[in-house]
């Protein structure tokens, strides 16, 4: 069964520029690494970036990075921060 993150990722990556997506994933991974080094959890990284949707609760770092990358790739008026 697909998670909400997987469904959103597949939806957005079909319409995104692959270079933009790769850049966003790279930045999101670096951001998550910073949170990991400080002893944080995936949910803290997502909330720290500004994604406040309570239905989105990543259980691992890969999902957290994808959620953050998706937020980075949204149009400016839809971004959380």
Protein backbone atom coordinates (compact mmCIF):
# COMPACT_ATOMS: atom_id res chain seq x y z
CA UNK A 1 0.00 0.00 0.00
CA UNK A 2 1.35 3.42 -0.94
CA UNK A 3 1.76 6.11 1.64
CA UNK A 4 0.57 9.67 1.20
CA UNK A 5 4.17 10.81 0.74
CA UNK A 6 4.80 8.31 -2.06
CA UNK A 7 1.63 9.37 -3.85
CA UNK A 8 2.48 13.08 -3.56
CA UNK A 9 6.05 12.48 -4.66
CA UNK A 10 4.96 10.56 -7.75
CA UNK A 11 2.42 13.27 -8.60
CA UNK A 12 4.88 16.13 -8.32
CA UNK A 13 7.92 14.47 -9.86
CA UNK A 14 6.01 13.83 -13.10
CA UNK A 15 5.61 17.58 -13.63
CA UNK A 16 8.86 18.86 -12.13
CA UNK A 17 12.09 19.62 -13.84
CA UNK A 18 14.38 16.69 -12.87
CA UNK A 19 17.22 19.09 -12.09
CA UNK A 20 15.02 21.09 -9.72
CA UNK A 21 13.89 17.88 -7.99
CA UNK A 22 17.49 16.65 -7.59
CA UNK A 23 18.51 19.99 -6.10
CA UNK A 24 15.55 19.96 -3.71
CA UNK A 25 16.28 16.40 -2.56
CA UNK A 26 19.94 17.29 -2.02
CA UNK A 27 19.06 20.33 0.08
CA UNK A 28 16.43 18.39 2.02
CA UNK A 29 18.90 15.61 2.77
CA UNK A 30 21.43 18.13 4.08
CA UNK A 31 18.76 19.76 6.22
CA UNK A 32 17.72 16.36 7.61
CA UNK A 33 21.34 15.47 8.32
CA UNK A 34 21.64 18.62 10.42
CA UNK A 35 18.58 17.62 12.44
CA UNK A 36 19.90 14.06 12.86
CA UNK A 37 23.22 15.39 14.16
CA UNK A 38 21.33 17.44 16.74
CA UNK A 39 19.42 14.34 17.89
CA UNK A 40 16.10 15.22 16.28
CA UNK A 41 13.43 13.02 14.75
CA UNK A 42 12.02 13.03 11.19
CA UNK A 43 8.81 14.75 12.32
CA UNK A 44 10.87 17.54 13.92
CA UNK A 45 12.69 18.13 10.64
CA UNK A 46 9.43 18.41 8.72
CA UNK A 47 7.82 20.70 11.29
CA UNK A 48 11.04 22.71 11.53
CA UNK A 49 10.92 23.38 7.81
CA UNK A 50 7.40 24.69 8.21
CA UNK A 51 5.19 21.84 7.02
CA UNK A 52 2.38 21.90 9.57
CA UNK A 53 -0.12 19.49 8.02
CA UNK A 54 -0.91 17.09 10.88
CA UNK A 55 -1.77 14.26 8.45
CA UNK A 56 1.86 14.21 7.32
CA UNK A 57 3.97 12.37 9.87
CA UNK A 58 7.11 10.80 8.42
CA UNK A 59 8.39 7.70 10.15
CA UNK A 60 11.83 7.67 8.54
CA UNK A 61 14.36 10.13 7.19
CA UNK A 62 13.76 9.27 3.54
CA UNK A 63 10.11 10.27 3.84
CA UNK A 64 11.05 13.42 5.75
CA UNK A 65 13.48 14.46 3.00
CA UNK A 66 10.83 13.83 0.32
CA UNK A 67 8.23 15.89 2.20
CA UNK A 68 10.68 18.78 2.59
CA UNK A 69 11.74 18.56 -1.07
CA UNK A 70 8.08 18.62 -2.13
CA UNK A 71 7.56 21.73 -0.01
CA UNK A 72 10.60 23.35 -1.65
CA UNK A 73 9.26 22.62 -5.13
CA UNK A 74 5.79 24.07 -4.59
CA UNK A 75 5.08 27.47 -6.11
CA UNK A 76 6.11 30.36 -3.87
CA UNK A 77 2.57 31.21 -2.81
CA UNK A 78 2.01 27.62 -1.58
CA UNK A 79 5.27 27.13 0.33
CA UNK A 80 5.15 26.78 4.10
CA UNK A 81 7.90 29.31 4.68
